Amino acid sequence: MKVEAVPVGWTDDMDDRLRISAGDDLEIIRREVRTGIAQLWQCEKDGQPEAWVVTRVDGTEQDGYEWVIVLGEGRGFFDYMPLFVSHARAKGLPIRTHVKRRGLIRMWERLGLSLDHYVLRG
């Protein structure tokens, strides 16, 4: 089984594919991908697309950079996320991601990330 993440451009069908995980930020994410601020990845197993991930590098030279997993949509978290973790580690970049589901915290912890803080809103 061949598993890979391939950088792709934003196409018209991405709005529908990423609408759930992008939520109210869909327009911002689309613009960032189209302008090169963020990167859209198509995750494939044996050449068949199963998931999409958006990443970007945040930070400054002074404060340091980190690789941000902006969103992910589809299936195969444990097939594809190790590719992104390995890529960030190879570049010497810490990883940041925001989650809304507790189950995702456990999944990320299994890949070596740890919970940094909670955000409560009311």
N, C-alpha and C. Protein backbone atom coordinates (compact mmCIF):
# COMPACT_ATOMS: atom_id res chain seq x y z
N MET A 1 0.84 -1.18 0.00
CA MET A 1 0.00 0.00 0.00
C MET A 1 0.89 1.25 0.00
N LYS A 2 0.66 2.13 -0.96
CA LYS A 2 1.41 3.38 -1.07
C LYS A 2 0.57 4.52 -0.51
N VAL A 3 1.11 5.23 0.49
CA VAL A 3 0.43 6.35 1.12
C VAL A 3 1.27 7.59 0.89
N GLU A 4 0.64 8.65 0.38
CA GLU A 4 1.37 9.88 0.15
C GLU A 4 0.45 11.09 0.27
N ALA A 5 1.08 12.24 0.50
CA ALA A 5 0.39 13.53 0.52
C ALA A 5 0.99 14.37 -0.59
N VAL A 6 0.15 14.80 -1.52
CA VAL A 6 0.59 15.51 -2.70
C VAL A 6 0.07 16.94 -2.66
N PRO A 7 0.94 17.95 -2.82
CA PRO A 7 0.45 19.33 -2.86
C PRO A 7 -0.40 19.55 -4.11
N VAL A 8 -1.55 20.18 -3.93
CA VAL A 8 -2.46 20.45 -5.05
C VAL A 8 -2.97 21.89 -4.94
N GLY A 9 -3.50 22.39 -6.03
CA GLY A 9 -4.11 23.71 -6.05
C GLY A 9 -5.57 23.62 -5.64
N TRP A 10 -6.12 24.77 -5.30
CA TRP A 10 -7.53 24.85 -4.90
C TRP A 10 -8.39 24.77 -6.15
N THR A 11 -9.29 23.82 -6.18
CA THR A 11 -10.24 23.70 -7.30
C THR A 11 -11.64 23.99 -6.78
N ASP A 12 -12.57 24.17 -7.68
CA ASP A 12 -13.93 24.55 -7.31
C ASP A 12 -14.59 23.57 -6.34
N ASP A 13 -14.26 22.29 -6.44
CA ASP A 13 -14.89 21.30 -5.56
C ASP A 13 -14.33 21.31 -4.13
N MET A 14 -13.26 22.05 -3.90
CA MET A 14 -12.68 22.09 -2.55
C MET A 14 -13.62 22.76 -1.54
N ASP A 15 -14.41 23.73 -1.97
CA ASP A 15 -15.35 24.36 -1.05
C ASP A 15 -16.25 23.31 -0.41
N ASP A 16 -16.78 22.40 -1.23
CA ASP A 16 -17.66 21.35 -0.70
C ASP A 16 -16.89 20.32 0.11
N ARG A 17 -15.69 19.97 -0.33
CA ARG A 17 -14.90 18.96 0.38
C ARG A 17 -14.45 19.42 1.77
N LEU A 18 -14.19 20.73 1.93
CA LEU A 18 -13.60 21.23 3.17
C LEU A 18 -14.56 22.07 4.01
N ARG A 19 -15.81 22.17 3.60
CA ARG A 19 -16.77 23.04 4.26
C ARG A 19 -16.95 22.73 5.75
N ILE A 20 -16.98 21.47 6.12
CA ILE A 20 -17.22 21.11 7.52
C ILE A 20 -16.05 21.53 8.40
N SER A 21 -14.85 21.13 8.04
CA SER A 21 -13.71 21.44 8.90
C SER A 21 -13.29 22.90 8.81
N ALA A 22 -13.53 23.56 7.68
CA ALA A 22 -13.17 24.98 7.55
C ALA A 22 -14.19 25.88 8.24
N GLY A 23 -15.43 25.46 8.28
CA GLY A 23 -16.46 26.25 8.93
C GLY A 23 -16.53 27.67 8.39
N ASP A 24 -16.62 28.63 9.31
CA ASP A 24 -16.73 30.04 8.93
C ASP A 24 -15.46 30.60 8.31
N ASP A 25 -14.37 29.86 8.37
CA ASP A 25 -13.09 30.34 7.84
C ASP A 25 -12.82 29.88 6.41
N LEU A 26 -13.80 29.28 5.77
CA LEU A 26 -13.59 28.72 4.42
C LEU A 26 -13.05 29.76 3.44
N GLU A 27 -13.63 30.93 3.42
CA GLU A 27 -13.19 31.97 2.48
C GLU A 27 -11.74 32.38 2.75
N ILE A 28 -11.39 32.51 4.02
CA ILE A 28 -10.02 32.89 4.40
C ILE A 28 -9.04 31.79 3.97
N ILE A 29 -9.40 30.54 4.25
CA ILE A 29 -8.52 29.42 3.92
C ILE A 29 -8.35 29.31 2.41
N ARG A 30 -9.44 29.44 1.68
CA ARG A 30 -9.37 29.40 0.21
C ARG A 30 -8.42 30.48 -0.31
N ARG A 31 -8.55 31.69 0.20
CA ARG A 31 -7.69 32.80 -0.23
C ARG A 31 -6.23 32.52 0.13
N GLU A 32 -5.97 32.00 1.33
CA GLU A 32 -4.58 31.72 1.73
C GLU A 32 -3.94 30.64 0.86
N VAL A 33 -4.72 29.62 0.49
CA VAL A 33 -4.18 28.58 -0.40
C VAL A 33 -3.91 29.17 -1.78
N ARG A 34 -4.86 29.92 -2.29
CA ARG A 34 -4.71 30.48 -3.64
C ARG A 34 -3.57 31.49 -3.74
N THR A 35 -3.27 32.18 -2.64
CA THR A 35 -2.18 33.17 -2.67
C THR A 35 -0.84 32.59 -2.21
N GLY A 36 -0.81 31.33 -1.82
CA GLY A 36 0.44 30.70 -1.43
C GLY A 36 0.81 30.85 0.03
N ILE A 37 -0.05 31.44 0.83
CA ILE A 37 0.21 31.54 2.27
C ILE A 37 0.07 30.16 2.91
N ALA A 38 -0.89 29.39 2.42
CA ALA A 38 -1.14 28.04 2.93
C ALA A 38 -1.01 27.05 1.77
N GLN A 39 -0.88 25.77 2.12
CA GLN A 39 -0.73 24.72 1.12
C GLN A 39 -1.84 23.68 1.31
N LEU A 40 -2.50 23.31 0.23
CA LEU A 40 -3.50 22.24 0.24
C LEU A 40 -2.83 20.96 -0.21
N TRP A 41 -3.07 19.90 0.55
CA TRP A 41 -2.49 18.58 0.26
C TRP A 41 -3.62 17.59 0.00
N GLN A 42 -3.46 16.78 -1.03
CA GLN A 42 -4.37 15.67 -1.28
C GLN A 42 -3.69 14.41 -0.78
N CYS A 43 -4.33 13.73 0.15
CA CYS A 43 -3.78 12.51 0.75
C CYS A 43 -4.34 11.31 0.01
N GLU A 44 -3.44 10.48 -0.49
CA GLU A 44 -3.83 9.37 -1.35
C GLU A 44 -3.30 8.04 -0.81
N LYS A 45 -4.12 7.04 -0.99
CA LYS A 45 -3.72 5.66 -0.70
C LYS A 45 -3.81 4.89 -2.01
N ASP A 46 -2.68 4.35 -2.47
CA ASP A 46 -2.62 3.66 -3.75
C ASP A 46 -3.20 4.51 -4.88
N GLY A 47 -2.91 5.82 -4.86
CA GLY A 47 -3.33 6.71 -5.92
C GLY A 47 -4.76 7.22 -5.82
N GLN A 48 -5.50 6.77 -4.81
CA GLN A 48 -6.89 7.20 -4.64
C GLN A 48 -6.99 8.25 -3.54
N PRO A 49 -7.57 9.43 -3.84
CA PRO A 49 -7.70 10.46 -2.82
C PRO A 49 -8.67 10.04 -1.72
N GLU A 50 -8.24 10.25 -0.47
CA GLU A 50 -9.06 9.91 0.69
C GLU A 50 -9.25 11.08 1.65
N ALA A 51 -8.33 12.04 1.60
CA ALA A 51 -8.39 13.14 2.57
C ALA A 51 -7.67 14.36 2.00
N TRP A 52 -7.96 15.51 2.62
CA TRP A 52 -7.31 16.76 2.25
C TRP A 52 -6.88 17.46 3.52
N VAL A 53 -5.71 18.08 3.46
CA VAL A 53 -5.14 18.77 4.62
C VAL A 53 -4.63 20.12 4.14
N VAL A 54 -4.84 21.15 4.96
CA VAL A 54 -4.28 22.47 4.67
C VAL A 54 -3.26 22.79 5.75
N THR A 55 -2.07 23.24 5.32
CA THR A 55 -1.00 23.59 6.25
C THR A 55 -0.47 24.98 5.91
N ARG A 56 0.25 25.57 6.85
CA ARG A 56 0.98 26.81 6.59
C ARG A 56 2.08 26.94 7.64
N VAL A 57 3.06 27.76 7.33
CA VAL A 57 4.11 28.07 8.29
C VAL A 57 3.77 29.42 8.91
N ASP A 58 3.74 29.49 10.23
CA ASP A 58 3.47 30.73 10.97
C ASP A 58 4.70 31.11 11.78
N GLY A 59 4.80 32.39 12.08
CA GLY A 59 5.85 32.86 12.98
C GLY A 59 6.75 33.88 12.33
N THR A 60 7.80 34.20 13.07
CA THR A 60 8.81 35.14 12.58
C THR A 60 10.18 34.57 12.86
N GLU A 61 11.18 35.13 12.23
CA GLU A 61 12.55 34.68 12.46
C GLU A 61 12.93 34.90 13.92
N GLN A 62 12.48 36.01 14.47
CA GLN A 62 12.82 36.35 15.86
C GLN A 62 12.14 35.40 16.85
N ASP A 63 10.85 35.14 16.65
CA ASP A 63 10.10 34.31 17.60
C ASP A 63 10.12 32.83 17.26
N GLY A 64 10.54 32.51 16.05
CA GLY A 64 10.55 31.13 15.61
C GLY A 64 9.34 30.81 14.75
N TYR A 65 9.48 29.78 13.98
CA TYR A 65 8.42 29.35 13.08
C TYR A 65 7.81 28.05 13.59
N GLU A 66 6.58 27.80 13.19
CA GLU A 66 5.94 26.52 13.48
C GLU A 66 5.07 26.13 12.30
N TRP A 67 4.90 24.82 12.15
CA TRP A 67 4.07 24.31 11.06
C TRP A 67 2.68 24.10 11.60
N VAL A 68 1.71 24.73 10.96
CA VAL A 68 0.33 24.68 11.44
C VAL A 68 -0.48 23.75 10.55
N ILE A 69 -1.13 22.80 11.17
CA ILE A 69 -2.12 21.97 10.48
C ILE A 69 -3.42 22.75 10.62
N VAL A 70 -3.83 23.43 9.56
CA VAL A 70 -5.00 24.31 9.60
C VAL A 70 -6.29 23.50 9.66
N LEU A 71 -6.38 22.47 8.83
CA LEU A 71 -7.58 21.63 8.82
C LEU A 71 -7.29 20.33 8.13
N GLY A 72 -8.15 19.38 8.36
CA GLY A 72 -8.11 18.10 7.67
C GLY A 72 -9.52 17.60 7.47
N GLU A 73 -9.76 16.98 6.34
CA GLU A 73 -11.08 16.48 6.01
C GLU A 73 -10.92 15.18 5.25
N GLY A 74 -11.71 14.19 5.59
CA GLY A 74 -11.63 12.90 4.91
C GLY A 74 -11.39 11.79 5.91
N ARG A 75 -10.74 10.75 5.45
CA ARG A 75 -10.47 9.61 6.34
C ARG A 75 -9.00 9.23 6.26
N GLY A 76 -8.56 8.45 7.24
CA GLY A 76 -7.19 7.96 7.23
C GLY A 76 -6.22 8.76 8.07
N PHE A 77 -6.70 9.36 9.17
CA PHE A 77 -5.84 10.19 10.03
C PHE A 77 -4.51 9.51 10.32
N PHE A 78 -4.54 8.26 10.79
CA PHE A 78 -3.29 7.59 11.18
C PHE A 78 -2.48 7.12 9.98
N ASP A 79 -3.06 7.14 8.79
CA ASP A 79 -2.28 6.85 7.59
C ASP A 79 -1.50 8.07 7.14
N TYR A 80 -2.11 9.26 7.26
CA TYR A 80 -1.54 10.46 6.66
C TYR A 80 -0.86 11.41 7.63
N MET A 81 -1.38 11.57 8.81
CA MET A 81 -0.78 12.55 9.73
C MET A 81 0.67 12.25 10.08
N PRO A 82 1.08 10.98 10.18
CA PRO A 82 2.51 10.73 10.40
C PRO A 82 3.40 11.33 9.30
N LEU A 83 2.89 11.42 8.07
CA LEU A 83 3.65 12.05 6.99
C LEU A 83 3.91 13.52 7.31
N PHE A 84 2.88 14.20 7.83
CA PHE A 84 3.01 15.62 8.14
C PHE A 84 3.89 15.84 9.37
N VAL A 85 3.76 14.97 10.35
CA VAL A 85 4.60 15.08 11.54
C VAL A 85 6.06 14.86 11.16
N SER A 86 6.33 13.86 10.36
CA SER A 86 7.71 13.59 9.92
C SER A 86 8.28 14.75 9.12
N HIS A 87 7.47 15.31 8.25
CA HIS A 87 7.92 16.45 7.44
C HIS A 87 8.30 17.64 8.33
N ALA A 88 7.45 17.95 9.29
CA ALA A 88 7.73 19.07 10.20
C ALA A 88 9.00 18.80 11.00
N ARG A 89 9.14 17.59 11.52
CA ARG A 89 10.32 17.23 12.31
C ARG A 89 11.58 17.34 11.46
N ALA A 90 11.51 16.89 10.21
CA ALA A 90 12.68 16.96 9.32
C ALA A 90 13.09 18.40 9.05
N LYS A 91 12.13 19.31 9.04
CA LYS A 91 12.41 20.74 8.83
C LYS A 91 12.75 21.45 10.13
N GLY A 92 12.68 20.73 11.26
CA GLY A 92 12.98 21.33 12.55
C GLY A 92 11.88 22.26 13.05
N LEU A 93 10.66 22.04 12.58
CA LEU A 93 9.54 22.90 12.96
C LEU A 93 8.63 22.23 13.98
N PRO A 94 8.29 22.93 15.05
CA PRO A 94 7.25 22.40 15.93
C PRO A 94 5.91 22.47 15.20
N ILE A 95 4.96 21.68 15.66
CA ILE A 95 3.64 21.60 15.02
C ILE A 95 2.60 22.21 15.95
N ARG A 96 1.66 22.94 15.32
CA ARG A 96 0.51 23.45 16.06
C ARG A 96 -0.75 23.09 15.30
N THR A 97 -1.77 22.70 16.02
CA THR A 97 -3.08 22.49 15.42
C THR A 97 -4.14 22.79 16.47
N HIS A 98 -5.30 23.18 16.03
CA HIS A 98 -6.41 23.48 16.92
C HIS A 98 -7.48 22.42 16.69
N VAL A 99 -8.04 21.90 17.75
CA VAL A 99 -9.07 20.87 17.63
C VAL A 99 -10.30 21.27 18.44
N LYS A 100 -11.44 20.75 18.01
CA LYS A 100 -12.69 20.98 18.74
C LYS A 100 -13.23 19.69 19.34
N ARG A 101 -12.70 18.57 18.90
CA ARG A 101 -13.18 17.27 19.40
C ARG A 101 -12.12 16.63 20.29
N ARG A 102 -12.56 16.19 21.48
CA ARG A 102 -11.63 15.55 22.42
C ARG A 102 -10.91 14.34 21.81
N GLY A 103 -11.63 13.59 20.99
CA GLY A 103 -11.02 12.42 20.37
C GLY A 103 -9.81 12.78 19.53
N LEU A 104 -9.81 13.94 18.92
CA LEU A 104 -8.66 14.37 18.13
C LEU A 104 -7.45 14.66 19.01
N ILE A 105 -7.69 15.11 20.23
CA ILE A 105 -6.57 15.33 21.16
C ILE A 105 -5.85 14.01 21.40
N ARG A 106 -6.61 12.97 21.68
CA ARG A 106 -5.99 11.64 21.90
C ARG A 106 -5.26 11.15 20.65
N MET A 107 -5.84 11.39 19.50
CA MET A 107 -5.21 10.95 18.26
C MET A 107 -3.89 11.68 18.04
N TRP A 108 -3.87 13.01 18.26
CA TRP A 108 -2.63 13.76 18.10
C TRP A 108 -1.59 13.35 19.15
N GLU A 109 -2.04 13.08 20.37
CA GLU A 109 -1.10 12.64 21.42
C GLU A 109 -0.41 11.35 21.02
N ARG A 110 -1.11 10.47 20.35
CA ARG A 110 -0.49 9.21 19.89
C ARG A 110 0.61 9.47 18.87
N LEU A 111 0.57 10.64 18.22
CA LEU A 111 1.60 10.99 17.24
C LEU A 111 2.69 11.88 17.82
N GLY A 112 2.64 12.11 19.14
CA GLY A 112 3.72 12.84 19.79
C GLY A 112 3.44 14.29 20.11
N LEU A 113 2.24 14.79 19.82
CA LEU A 113 1.90 16.16 20.18
C LEU A 113 1.29 16.16 21.56
N SER A 114 1.39 17.26 22.26
CA SER A 114 0.80 17.33 23.60
C SER A 114 -0.10 18.57 23.71
N LEU A 115 -1.08 18.47 24.57
CA LEU A 115 -2.02 19.56 24.78
C LEU A 115 -1.30 20.73 25.43
N ASP A 116 -1.48 21.90 24.86
CA ASP A 116 -0.81 23.09 25.35
C ASP A 116 -1.73 23.97 26.21
N HIS A 117 -2.97 24.17 25.77
CA HIS A 117 -3.89 24.99 26.55
C HIS A 117 -5.34 24.75 26.11
N TYR A 118 -6.25 25.20 26.94
CA TYR A 118 -7.67 25.14 26.65
C TYR A 118 -8.18 26.54 26.32
N VAL A 119 -9.18 26.63 25.49
CA VAL A 119 -9.86 27.88 25.22
C VAL A 119 -11.34 27.68 25.54
N LEU A 120 -11.86 28.50 26.41
CA LEU A 120 -13.28 28.42 26.77
C LEU A 120 -13.98 29.66 26.25
N ARG A 121 -15.14 29.49 25.71
CA ARG A 121 -15.93 30.62 25.21
C ARG A 121 -17.32 30.52 25.81
N GLY A 122 -17.98 31.67 25.93
CA GLY A 122 -19.32 31.64 26.50
C GLY A 122 -20.23 32.61 25.85
